């Protein structure tokens, strides 16, 4: 039985009840659109803040199980899920607060905020899921609302085209995940992730071959390959990334932040729990495959960003590159004890850095009605706070010290160097990451140059959206503050993952089971 006092159930009840109540309130409350926007934005923001405080209080109190837990229920209350829940809630809070400015003049406020809350539930459930059926339901609960949110600018043909492409690719990825789950169930006869891993490991170790299925190892390889493809769509890995630039540019910019900083992280949560933990427990070493994906992803993402003229598209390709950096930790998980620490550390940092960059772009879009890079000329004088926040977020994404992005990249690259004592190709990942970080400065500094060194004909001050400014100020404090003192975030990441992933065999080393 699921414990209703567990963290994921409490969050489901809170976010779900408010998300379903908002349209009902909208149907009975006779107010003008502007007042409804304020009301629903405040309700959504307050609900998300309360959810974040509940999780933080439980983490501080030591209530979630340490590390990653595989139990008999469909959901588990562990530190791994709580880490991702905190990261995802921070993104949703930043998006909901910024939406108060972005949604002014756009109808259907209740639908927008309700879909935002429901998608957040799906993302959080993915992080806590320990059953394949629950994982798939959570995956769809996350995805379906974002399909509608991406097309929220209904009169914009670019938005409609982006949403259709996003929907088609999303449906395709979901079908791939169903195939992968089906193969695992065919071999093991269970949908529980922990039990499936245990049974596959036992079959593999004893060389048992299920009838009519061609053996455990071939099917395990096939299932892992399908999982990589299915999760890779949301993570933005090459070659599953082609939908990102169009979707991020066509969707409302606040939703672009949700996709880039939110749903992407949920994809990594699923990948770590299923692919990384599962394949090493079974004894299948796909590290070199994941390493190649990491290098190709970061390189393609950075080169793609260099040739863009639209800032949202540039940030979309930047998001692809950042997924490549995070993949370094997944590839090196069995060879360096700090590898997954670095991935989770960068995931939390990236959630704030990428949200800040997209929301700064949203502020520019509101004030100047354009996404073109040319409109950023002289932005340092026109919109000084927005320009400062955007500059800091770009430098943090590049890994410039002493900002928070520098420390998480340092942990990742150091883990790659440390793995050189076990595998010969590990240090090359650090070299690839350093070269790509230097390459990314090409387009990050290009934007900063436009804002501060170039001048336009009209350099008059422009009113900056107040709600978005508040979010950007928070992001600045976070990026600079945790750049100066990064220890708490790194410690949080460290206690959220197993410390000896190379020893994960039944009974899963330090990964606990109920």
Protein backbone atom coordinates (compact mmCIF):
# COMPACT_ATOMS: atom_id res chain seq x y z
CA UNK A 1 0.00 0.00 0.00
CA UNK A 2 1.13 3.53 -0.78
CA UNK A 3 1.69 5.70 2.28
CA UNK A 4 -0.49 8.79 1.87
CA UNK A 5 1.88 10.70 4.16
CA UNK A 6 4.80 10.14 1.77
CA UNK A 7 6.26 13.14 -0.03
CA UNK A 8 5.07 12.32 -3.59
CA UNK A 9 1.49 11.60 -2.47
CA UNK A 10 1.30 14.85 -0.49
CA UNK A 11 2.56 16.80 -3.51
CA UNK A 12 0.12 15.05 -5.86
CA UNK A 13 -2.81 15.88 -3.60
CA UNK A 14 -1.76 19.51 -3.18
CA UNK A 15 -0.89 20.33 -6.79
CA UNK A 16 -3.62 18.14 -8.26
CA UNK A 17 -6.45 19.58 -6.18
CA UNK A 18 -5.43 23.16 -6.95
CA UNK A 19 -4.80 22.39 -10.62
CA UNK A 20 -8.29 20.92 -10.99
CA UNK A 21 -9.91 23.63 -8.88
CA UNK A 22 -8.61 26.57 -10.93
CA UNK A 23 -10.92 25.96 -13.94
CA UNK A 24 -13.86 25.51 -11.55
CA UNK A 25 -13.07 28.82 -9.86
CA UNK A 26 -12.79 30.42 -13.29
CA UNK A 27 -16.25 29.18 -14.26
CA UNK A 28 -17.93 30.77 -11.22
CA UNK A 29 -15.83 33.88 -10.57
CA UNK A 30 -17.11 36.86 -12.54
CA UNK A 31 -14.03 39.04 -12.94
CA UNK A 32 -12.22 40.70 -15.80
CA UNK A 33 -9.37 38.87 -17.48
CA UNK A 34 -6.64 41.01 -15.92
CA UNK A 35 -7.84 40.26 -12.40
CA UNK A 36 -8.16 36.55 -13.21
CA UNK A 37 -4.58 36.50 -14.42
CA UNK A 38 -3.41 37.99 -11.10
CA UNK A 39 -5.57 35.61 -9.09
CA UNK A 40 -4.59 32.39 -10.85
CA UNK A 41 -0.93 33.37 -11.06
CA UNK A 42 -0.90 34.05 -7.31
CA UNK A 43 -2.69 30.76 -6.53
CA UNK A 44 -0.32 28.77 -8.72
CA UNK A 45 2.76 30.50 -7.34
CA UNK A 46 1.64 30.01 -3.74
CA UNK A 47 0.81 26.34 -4.27
CA UNK A 48 4.20 25.64 -5.83
CA UNK A 49 6.02 27.50 -3.05
CA UNK A 50 4.12 25.49 -0.43
CA UNK A 51 5.02 22.25 -2.23
CA UNK A 52 8.70 23.24 -2.31
CA UNK A 53 8.67 24.07 1.41
CA UNK A 54 7.07 20.71 2.23
CA UNK A 55 9.79 18.81 0.37
CA UNK A 56 12.63 20.91 1.81
CA UNK A 57 11.29 20.50 5.35
CA UNK A 58 11.06 16.73 4.91
CA UNK A 59 14.57 16.56 3.43
CA UNK A 60 15.99 18.61 6.31
CA UNK A 61 14.13 16.34 8.73
CA UNK A 62 15.67 13.27 7.11
CA UNK A 63 12.33 11.67 6.24
CA UNK A 64 13.08 10.55 2.63
CA UNK A 65 15.11 7.37 2.36
CA UNK A 66 18.78 8.08 1.62
CA UNK A 67 20.10 7.75 -1.92
CA UNK A 68 17.94 5.87 -4.40
CA UNK A 69 15.35 3.38 -3.18
CA UNK A 70 13.58 0.58 -5.05
CA UNK A 71 10.55 -0.66 -3.17
CA UNK A 72 7.46 -2.76 -3.84
CA UNK A 73 5.17 0.22 -4.40
CA UNK A 74 4.82 2.23 -7.60
CA UNK A 75 6.27 5.31 -5.88
CA UNK A 76 9.11 5.65 -3.40
CA UNK A 77 9.92 8.47 -1.01
CA UNK A 78 13.68 8.72 -1.46
CA UNK A 79 16.30 11.47 -1.57
CA UNK A 80 16.85 10.98 -5.31
CA UNK A 81 13.22 11.81 -6.08
CA UNK A 82 13.25 14.71 -3.62
CA UNK A 83 16.34 16.19 -5.29
CA UNK A 84 14.64 16.25 -8.67
CA UNK A 85 11.36 17.45 -7.14
CA UNK A 86 13.17 20.47 -5.67
CA UNK A 87 14.84 21.22 -9.00
CA UNK A 88 11.59 20.90 -10.96
CA UNK A 89 9.55 22.95 -8.50
CA UNK A 90 12.08 25.78 -8.68
CA UNK A 91 11.62 25.86 -12.46
CA UNK A 92 7.81 25.81 -12.19
CA UNK A 93 7.88 28.57 -9.56
CA UNK A 94 10.03 30.79 -11.79
CA UNK A 95 7.76 30.10 -14.76
CA UNK A 96 4.51 30.73 -12.86
CA UNK A 97 5.76 34.01 -11.39
CA UNK A 98 6.95 35.24 -14.79
CA UNK A 99 3.69 34.21 -16.45
CA UNK A 100 1.85 37.01 -14.67
CA UNK A 101 3.53 39.47 -17.04
CA UNK A 102 3.71 37.22 -20.06
CA UNK A 103 0.03 36.18 -19.97
CA UNK A 104 -1.42 39.71 -19.83
CA UNK A 105 -3.60 40.19 -22.87
CA UNK A 106 -3.84 36.43 -23.53
CA UNK A 107 -7.09 34.62 -22.75
CA UNK A 108 -7.69 31.24 -21.08
CA UNK A 109 -5.72 32.02 -17.94
CA UNK A 110 -7.25 29.17 -15.95
CA UNK A 111 -6.27 26.60 -18.60
CA UNK A 112 -2.70 27.88 -18.70
CA UNK A 113 -2.07 27.72 -14.95
CA UNK A 114 -3.98 24.45 -14.53
CA UNK A 115 -1.93 22.78 -17.26
CA UNK A 116 1.26 24.14 -15.68
CA UNK A 117 0.40 22.51 -12.35
CA UNK A 118 -0.62 19.20 -13.92
CA UNK A 119 2.58 19.03 -15.96
CA UNK A 120 4.57 19.72 -12.79
CA UNK A 121 2.86 16.75 -11.11
CA UNK A 122 3.92 14.53 -13.99
CA UNK A 123 7.55 15.69 -13.78
CA UNK A 124 7.69 15.09 -10.04
CA UNK A 125 6.05 11.67 -10.30
CA UNK A 126 8.68 10.57 -12.82
CA UNK A 127 11.39 11.31 -10.27
CA UNK A 128 9.66 9.18 -7.60
CA UNK A 129 8.43 6.33 -9.85
CA UNK A 130 9.66 2.79 -9.20
CA UNK A 131 7.23 1.00 -11.50
CA UNK A 132 7.28 1.10 -15.30
CA UNK A 133 3.51 1.59 -15.58
CA UNK A 134 3.61 4.46 -13.09
CA UNK A 135 6.61 5.91 -14.92
CA UNK A 136 4.75 5.86 -18.24
CA UNK A 137 1.60 7.42 -16.74
CA UNK A 138 3.72 10.15 -15.17
CA UNK A 139 5.54 10.64 -18.48
CA UNK A 140 2.26 11.25 -20.29
CA UNK A 141 0.92 13.47 -17.49
CA UNK A 142 4.01 15.60 -17.93
CA UNK A 143 3.93 15.60 -21.73
CA UNK A 144 0.28 16.06 -22.69
CA UNK A 145 -0.19 19.42 -20.88
CA UNK A 146 3.02 20.74 -22.46
CA UNK A 147 1.70 19.91 -25.94
CA UNK A 148 -1.21 22.26 -25.25
CA UNK A 149 0.99 24.87 -23.56
CA UNK A 150 3.39 24.93 -26.52
CA UNK A 151 0.46 25.84 -28.77
CA UNK A 152 -1.02 28.39 -26.40
CA UNK A 153 -0.43 31.26 -28.84
CA UNK A 154 -3.19 29.89 -31.04
CA UNK A 155 -3.13 32.74 -33.57
CA UNK A 156 0.59 32.36 -34.21
CA UNK A 157 1.26 29.89 -37.08
CA UNK A 158 4.86 29.37 -35.88
CA UNK A 159 3.54 28.31 -32.48
CA UNK A 160 1.05 25.91 -34.03
CA UNK A 161 3.69 24.36 -36.27
CA UNK A 162 6.08 23.95 -33.34
CA UNK A 163 3.39 22.35 -31.19
CA UNK A 164 2.45 19.84 -33.90
CA UNK A 165 6.09 18.86 -34.39
CA UNK A 166 6.53 18.59 -30.62
CA UNK A 167 3.39 16.45 -30.32
CA UNK A 168 4.40 14.06 -33.12
CA UNK A 169 7.91 13.55 -31.75
CA UNK A 170 6.49 13.20 -28.24
CA UNK A 171 3.99 10.54 -29.32
CA UNK A 172 6.78 8.69 -31.11
CA UNK A 173 8.99 8.72 -28.01
CA UNK A 174 6.10 7.46 -25.87
CA UNK A 175 5.56 4.55 -28.24
CA UNK A 176 9.26 3.68 -28.01
CA UNK A 177 9.02 3.63 -24.22
CA UNK A 178 6.02 1.29 -24.41
CA UNK A 179 8.05 -1.11 -26.56
CA UNK A 180 10.95 -0.98 -24.10
CA UNK A 181 8.67 -1.63 -21.12
CA UNK A 182 7.02 -4.48 -23.03
CA UNK A 183 10.34 -6.21 -23.65
CA UNK A 184 11.31 -5.95 -19.98
CA UNK A 185 7.94 -7.32 -18.88
CA UNK A 186 8.16 -10.18 -21.39
CA UNK A 187 11.40 -11.37 -19.78
CA UNK A 188 10.71 -10.66 -16.11
CA UNK A 189 6.92 -10.86 -15.77
CA UNK A 190 6.86 -7.73 -13.57
CA UNK A 191 6.64 -3.98 -14.11
CA UNK A 192 8.39 -3.10 -10.84
CA UNK A 193 11.70 -1.49 -11.79
CA UNK A 194 13.66 -2.89 -8.86
CA UNK A 195 12.28 -6.43 -9.29
CA UNK A 196 12.93 -6.29 -13.04
CA UNK A 197 16.54 -5.30 -12.52
CA UNK A 198 17.01 -8.04 -9.91
CA UNK A 199 15.51 -10.75 -12.12
CA UNK A 200 17.46 -9.67 -15.20
CA UNK A 201 20.67 -9.63 -13.17
CA UNK A 202 19.99 -13.12 -11.82
CA UNK A 203 19.12 -14.49 -15.28
CA UNK A 204 22.19 -12.89 -16.77
CA UNK A 205 24.47 -14.24 -14.01
CA UNK A 206 23.08 -17.79 -14.28
CA UNK A 207 23.04 -17.77 -18.11
CA UNK A 208 19.34 -18.71 -18.13
CA UNK A 209 17.53 -18.16 -21.41
CA UNK A 210 13.78 -17.44 -21.44
CA UNK A 211 11.91 -19.60 -23.97
CA UNK A 212 11.19 -18.09 -27.40
CA UNK A 213 12.88 -14.79 -26.57
CA UNK A 214 16.41 -15.39 -27.82
CA UNK A 215 18.17 -14.89 -24.52
CA UNK A 216 18.41 -12.31 -21.75
CA UNK A 217 21.36 -10.29 -23.05
CA UNK A 218 20.01 -9.50 -26.57
CA UNK A 219 16.64 -8.42 -25.18
CA UNK A 220 18.32 -6.41 -22.43
CA UNK A 221 20.41 -4.57 -25.02
CA UNK A 222 17.35 -3.93 -27.13
CA UNK A 223 15.35 -2.64 -24.15
CA UNK A 224 18.16 -0.32 -23.02
CA UNK A 225 18.55 0.99 -26.57
CA UNK A 226 14.83 1.77 -26.70
CA UNK A 227 14.94 3.44 -23.31
CA UNK A 228 17.88 5.61 -24.43
CA UNK A 229 15.92 6.67 -27.52
CA UNK A 230 12.67 7.30 -25.62
CA UNK A 231 14.23 9.25 -22.76
CA UNK A 232 16.71 10.89 -25.16
CA UNK A 233 13.84 12.77 -26.78
CA UNK A 234 13.06 14.69 -23.59
CA UNK A 235 16.73 14.98 -22.60
CA UNK A 236 17.51 16.58 -25.96
CA UNK A 237 20.27 14.15 -26.93
CA UNK A 238 21.54 14.02 -30.50
CA UNK A 239 20.02 12.69 -32.78
CA UNK A 240 16.71 13.01 -30.89
CA UNK A 241 16.96 16.80 -30.61
CA UNK A 242 15.55 18.06 -33.90
CA UNK A 243 12.25 19.18 -32.38
CA UNK A 244 13.86 21.44 -29.76
CA UNK A 245 14.70 24.62 -31.73
CA UNK A 246 11.26 24.88 -33.34
CA UNK A 247 9.37 24.03 -30.15
CA UNK A 248 11.37 26.40 -27.94
CA UNK A 249 11.04 29.25 -30.44
CA UNK A 250 7.35 28.70 -31.24
CA UNK A 251 6.10 28.08 -27.71
CA UNK A 252 5.43 30.98 -25.33
CA UNK A 253 8.86 31.85 -23.95
CA UNK A 254 7.83 31.01 -20.40
CA UNK A 255 6.87 27.53 -21.60
CA UNK A 256 10.20 27.34 -23.42
CA UNK A 257 11.79 27.74 -19.98
CA UNK A 258 9.59 24.93 -18.63
CA UNK A 259 10.61 22.62 -21.49
CA UNK A 260 14.32 23.44 -21.40
CA UNK A 261 14.77 23.49 -17.64
CA UNK A 262 11.91 21.26 -16.45
CA UNK A 263 10.86 18.39 -18.70
CA UNK A 264 14.49 17.87 -19.74
CA UNK A 265 15.41 17.23 -16.08
CA UNK A 266 12.54 14.79 -15.67
CA UNK A 267 13.97 12.85 -18.61
CA UNK A 268 17.31 12.61 -16.82
CA UNK A 269 15.61 11.43 -13.62
CA UNK A 270 14.00 8.56 -15.53
CA UNK A 271 17.21 7.76 -17.40
CA UNK A 272 19.33 7.56 -14.25
CA UNK A 273 16.89 5.34 -12.38
CA UNK A 274 16.18 2.98 -15.30
CA UNK A 275 19.12 3.05 -17.71
CA UNK A 276 22.18 3.84 -15.60
CA UNK A 277 21.20 1.83 -12.54
CA UNK A 278 19.60 -0.98 -14.53
CA UNK A 279 22.24 -1.62 -17.14
CA UNK A 280 25.16 -1.74 -14.70
CA UNK A 281 23.25 -3.99 -12.32
CA UNK A 282 22.56 -6.38 -15.19
CA UNK A 283 26.18 -6.25 -16.23
CA UNK A 284 25.75 -4.45 -19.57
CA UNK A 285 28.39 -1.78 -20.02
CA UNK A 286 27.09 0.92 -22.34
CA UNK A 287 29.45 3.54 -20.94
CA UNK A 288 31.28 4.09 -24.22
CA UNK A 289 27.95 4.52 -26.04
CA UNK A 290 26.78 7.11 -23.53
CA UNK A 291 30.17 8.84 -23.71
CA UNK A 292 29.97 9.10 -27.51
CA UNK A 293 26.41 10.46 -27.19
CA UNK A 294 27.69 13.04 -24.68
CA UNK A 295 30.47 14.31 -26.96
CA UNK A 296 28.30 14.41 -30.09
CA UNK A 297 25.44 16.10 -28.22
CA UNK A 298 27.55 18.90 -26.71
CA UNK A 299 29.40 19.50 -30.00
CA UNK A 300 26.32 19.56 -32.24
CA UNK A 301 24.51 21.77 -29.74
CA UNK A 302 27.27 24.37 -29.56
CA UNK A 303 27.91 24.49 -33.31
CA UNK A 304 24.17 24.73 -33.93
CA UNK A 305 23.90 27.68 -31.54
CA UNK A 306 26.74 29.55 -33.24
CA UNK A 307 24.81 30.00 -36.49
CA UNK A 308 21.46 31.13 -35.05
CA UNK A 309 19.99 34.63 -35.38
CA UNK A 310 16.99 33.99 -33.12
CA UNK A 311 17.88 34.06 -29.42
CA UNK A 312 15.35 31.36 -28.37
CA UNK A 313 16.74 29.03 -31.04
CA UNK A 314 20.25 29.82 -29.85
CA UNK A 315 19.24 28.91 -26.30
CA UNK A 316 17.55 25.75 -27.58
CA UNK A 317 20.82 24.52 -29.09
CA UNK A 318 22.60 25.63 -25.93
CA UNK A 319 20.20 23.38 -24.01
CA UNK A 320 21.22 20.48 -26.25
CA UNK A 321 24.88 21.15 -25.44
CA UNK A 322 24.16 21.26 -21.71
CA UNK A 323 22.54 17.83 -21.96
CA UNK A 324 25.86 16.60 -23.32
CA UNK A 325 27.71 17.85 -20.24
CA UNK A 326 25.22 16.12 -17.93
CA UNK A 327 25.64 12.89 -19.89
CA UNK A 328 29.33 12.80 -18.89
CA UNK A 329 28.30 11.83 -15.38
CA UNK A 330 25.94 9.11 -16.61
CA UNK A 331 28.64 7.61 -18.85
CA UNK A 332 31.24 7.58 -16.07
CA UNK A 333 28.94 6.46 -13.25
CA UNK A 334 30.61 3.05 -12.66
CA UNK A 335 34.15 4.41 -12.90
CA UNK A 336 34.17 7.62 -10.83
CA UNK A 337 32.40 8.01 -7.50
CA UNK A 338 31.68 11.70 -8.11
CA UNK A 339 30.31 11.31 -11.65
CA UNK A 340 26.60 11.16 -10.79
CA UNK A 341 27.16 13.79 -8.08
CA UNK A 342 28.36 16.12 -10.82
CA UNK A 343 25.41 15.31 -13.08
CA UNK A 344 22.84 16.02 -10.38
CA UNK A 345 24.73 19.13 -9.27
CA UNK A 346 24.71 20.45 -12.85
CA UNK A 347 21.04 19.51 -13.27
CA UNK A 348 20.03 21.75 -10.35
CA UNK A 349 22.31 24.57 -11.47
CA UNK A 350 21.11 24.28 -15.06
CA UNK A 351 17.48 24.42 -13.94
CA UNK A 352 18.04 27.96 -12.63
CA UNK A 353 20.54 29.12 -15.27
CA UNK A 354 18.43 28.04 -18.23
CA UNK A 355 15.17 29.28 -16.68
CA UNK A 356 16.79 32.69 -16.08
CA UNK A 357 18.01 32.94 -19.67
CA UNK A 358 14.62 32.06 -21.16
CA UNK A 359 12.72 34.33 -18.80
CA UNK A 360 15.07 37.21 -19.60
CA UNK A 361 14.26 36.53 -23.26
CA UNK A 362 10.56 36.62 -22.32
CA UNK A 363 11.08 40.05 -20.73
CA UNK A 364 12.71 41.32 -23.92
CA UNK A 365 9.89 39.85 -26.00
CA UNK A 366 7.30 41.66 -23.85
CA UNK A 367 9.13 45.00 -23.94
CA UNK A 368 10.49 44.97 -27.50
CA UNK A 369 8.17 42.49 -29.24
CA UNK A 370 10.98 40.57 -30.92
CA UNK A 371 13.19 37.48 -30.54
CA UNK A 372 15.78 38.67 -33.06
CA UNK A 373 19.35 39.04 -31.84
CA UNK A 374 19.49 42.50 -33.43
CA UNK A 375 16.91 43.73 -30.91
CA UNK A 376 19.41 43.05 -28.13
CA UNK A 377 21.63 45.87 -29.37
CA UNK A 378 22.09 48.35 -26.53
CA UNK A 379 19.93 46.29 -24.16
CA UNK A 380 22.32 47.09 -21.31
CA UNK A 381 20.99 50.65 -21.37
CA UNK A 382 17.41 49.92 -22.40
CA UNK A 383 16.73 47.13 -19.88
CA UNK A 384 19.67 47.09 -17.45
CA UNK A 385 18.45 44.52 -14.90
CA UNK A 386 17.27 42.11 -17.60
CA UNK A 387 20.61 42.51 -19.39
CA UNK A 388 22.59 41.84 -16.20
CA UNK A 389 20.53 38.72 -15.40
CA UNK A 390 20.87 37.41 -18.95
CA UNK A 391 24.63 38.07 -18.95
CA UNK A 392 25.14 36.26 -15.64
CA UNK A 393 23.05 33.29 -16.75
CA UNK A 394 25.00 33.01 -20.02
CA UNK A 395 28.35 33.18 -18.25
CA UNK A 396 27.15 30.62 -15.70
CA UNK A 397 26.08 28.29 -18.53
CA UNK A 398 29.54 28.67 -20.04
CA UNK A 399 31.10 27.72 -16.71
CA UNK A 400 32.84 31.01 -15.96
CA UNK A 401 34.02 31.29 -12.32
CA UNK A 402 32.90 32.13 -9.71
CA UNK A 403 29.34 31.42 -10.87
CA UNK A 404 27.49 28.21 -9.96
CA UNK A 405 27.83 26.62 -13.40
CA UNK A 406 31.62 26.60 -13.02
CA UNK A 407 31.54 24.32 -9.97
CA UNK A 408 29.18 21.71 -11.39
CA UNK A 409 31.19 21.53 -14.61
CA UNK A 410 34.36 21.27 -12.54
CA UNK A 411 32.98 18.25 -10.66
CA UNK A 412 31.97 16.60 -13.95
CA UNK A 413 35.32 17.21 -15.64
CA UNK A 414 37.24 16.16 -12.52
CA UNK A 415 35.30 12.88 -12.41
CA UNK A 416 36.28 12.30 -16.05
CA UNK A 417 39.95 12.85 -15.18
CA UNK A 418 39.70 10.60 -12.11
CA UNK A 419 38.21 7.80 -14.22
CA UNK A 420 41.47 7.68 -16.17
CA UNK A 421 42.85 5.25 -13.61
CA UNK A 422 40.18 2.73 -14.67
CA UNK A 423 39.40 3.50 -18.32
CA UNK A 424 41.68 5.06 -20.92
CA UNK A 425 39.04 7.20 -22.63
CA UNK A 426 37.69 8.91 -19.50
CA UNK A 427 39.99 11.97 -19.53
CA UNK A 428 39.09 12.64 -23.16
CA UNK A 429 35.57 13.46 -21.98
CA UNK A 430 37.02 16.21 -19.80
CA UNK A 431 38.96 17.58 -22.79
CA UNK A 432 35.81 17.48 -24.95
CA UNK A 433 33.85 19.27 -22.24
CA UNK A 434 36.50 21.99 -21.82
CA UNK A 435 36.76 22.58 -25.58
CA UNK A 436 32.99 22.77 -25.92
CA UNK A 437 32.71 25.16 -22.97
CA UNK A 438 35.24 27.42 -24.70
CA UNK A 439 33.29 27.08 -27.96
CA UNK A 440 30.04 28.08 -26.22
CA UNK A 441 31.62 31.41 -25.21
CA UNK A 442 31.50 32.31 -28.89
CA UNK A 443 27.74 32.80 -28.93
CA UNK A 444 27.28 33.68 -25.24
CA UNK A 445 29.76 36.57 -25.54
CA UNK A 446 28.20 37.54 -28.86
CA UNK A 447 24.89 38.23 -27.08
CA UNK A 448 26.67 40.11 -24.28
CA UNK A 449 28.59 42.18 -26.84
CA UNK A 450 25.31 43.13 -28.51
CA UNK A 451 23.85 44.24 -25.19
CA UNK A 452 26.78 46.32 -23.91
CA UNK A 453 29.15 47.27 -26.72
CA UNK A 454 26.88 47.86 -29.71
CA UNK A 455 24.57 50.85 -30.00
CA UNK A 456 21.25 51.30 -31.78
CA UNK A 457 19.49 54.42 -33.00
CA UNK A 458 17.10 54.36 -30.06
CA UNK A 459 18.86 53.87 -26.70
CA UNK A 460 16.00 55.12 -24.52
CA UNK A 461 15.08 53.20 -21.35
CA UNK A 462 12.33 50.59 -21.71
CA UNK A 463 9.99 49.51 -18.93
CA UNK A 464 10.94 46.08 -17.65
CA UNK A 465 8.23 43.58 -16.58
CA UNK A 466 8.13 43.68 -12.78
CA UNK A 467 7.20 40.06 -12.09
CA UNK A 468 9.93 38.75 -14.36
CA UNK A 469 12.41 41.15 -12.77
CA UNK A 470 11.66 39.61 -9.37
CA UNK A 471 12.37 36.14 -10.76
CA UNK A 472 15.58 37.34 -12.42
CA UNK A 473 16.81 38.93 -9.19
CA UNK A 474 16.27 35.58 -7.44
CA UNK A 475 18.20 33.84 -10.23
CA UNK A 476 21.10 36.30 -9.91
CA UNK A 477 21.30 35.70 -6.15
CA UNK A 478 21.19 31.92 -6.72
CA UNK A 479 23.85 31.86 -9.46
CA UNK A 480 26.24 34.21 -7.68
CA UNK A 481 25.51 32.98 -4.14
CA UNK A 482 25.97 29.29 -4.91
CA UNK A 483 28.96 30.18 -7.03
CA UNK A 484 30.64 31.64 -3.96
CA UNK A 485 29.37 28.89 -1.62
CA UNK A 486 28.49 25.78 -3.61
CA UNK A 487 28.94 23.19 -0.84
CA UNK A 488 25.24 22.85 0.17
CA UNK A 489 24.08 22.03 -3.36
CA UNK A 490 26.92 19.57 -3.95
CA UNK A 491 26.18 17.86 -0.63
CA UNK A 492 22.48 17.63 -1.52
CA UNK A 493 23.42 16.02 -4.84
CA UNK A 494 25.88 13.64 -3.16
CA UNK A 495 23.34 12.22 -0.70
CA UNK A 496 20.79 11.73 -3.49
CA UNK A 497 22.73 9.10 -5.48
CA UNK A 498 24.35 5.74 -4.68
CA UNK A 499 28.06 6.09 -3.92
CA UNK A 500 29.22 2.73 -5.33
CA UNK A 501 27.29 2.32 -8.56
CA UNK A 502 29.84 -0.16 -9.90
CA UNK A 503 28.82 -2.53 -7.10
CA UNK A 504 25.09 -2.42 -7.82
CA UNK A 505 24.13 -6.09 -7.94
CA UNK A 506 21.41 -7.79 -5.98
CA UNK A 507 20.74 -6.67 -3.28
CA UNK A 508 21.83 -3.43 -4.96
CA UNK A 509 24.75 -2.49 -2.74
CA UNK A 510 23.76 0.74 -1.01
CA UNK A 511 20.58 1.14 -3.04
CA UNK A 512 17.99 0.09 -0.51
CA UNK A 513 14.87 -1.99 -0.97
CA UNK A 514 11.79 -1.98 1.19
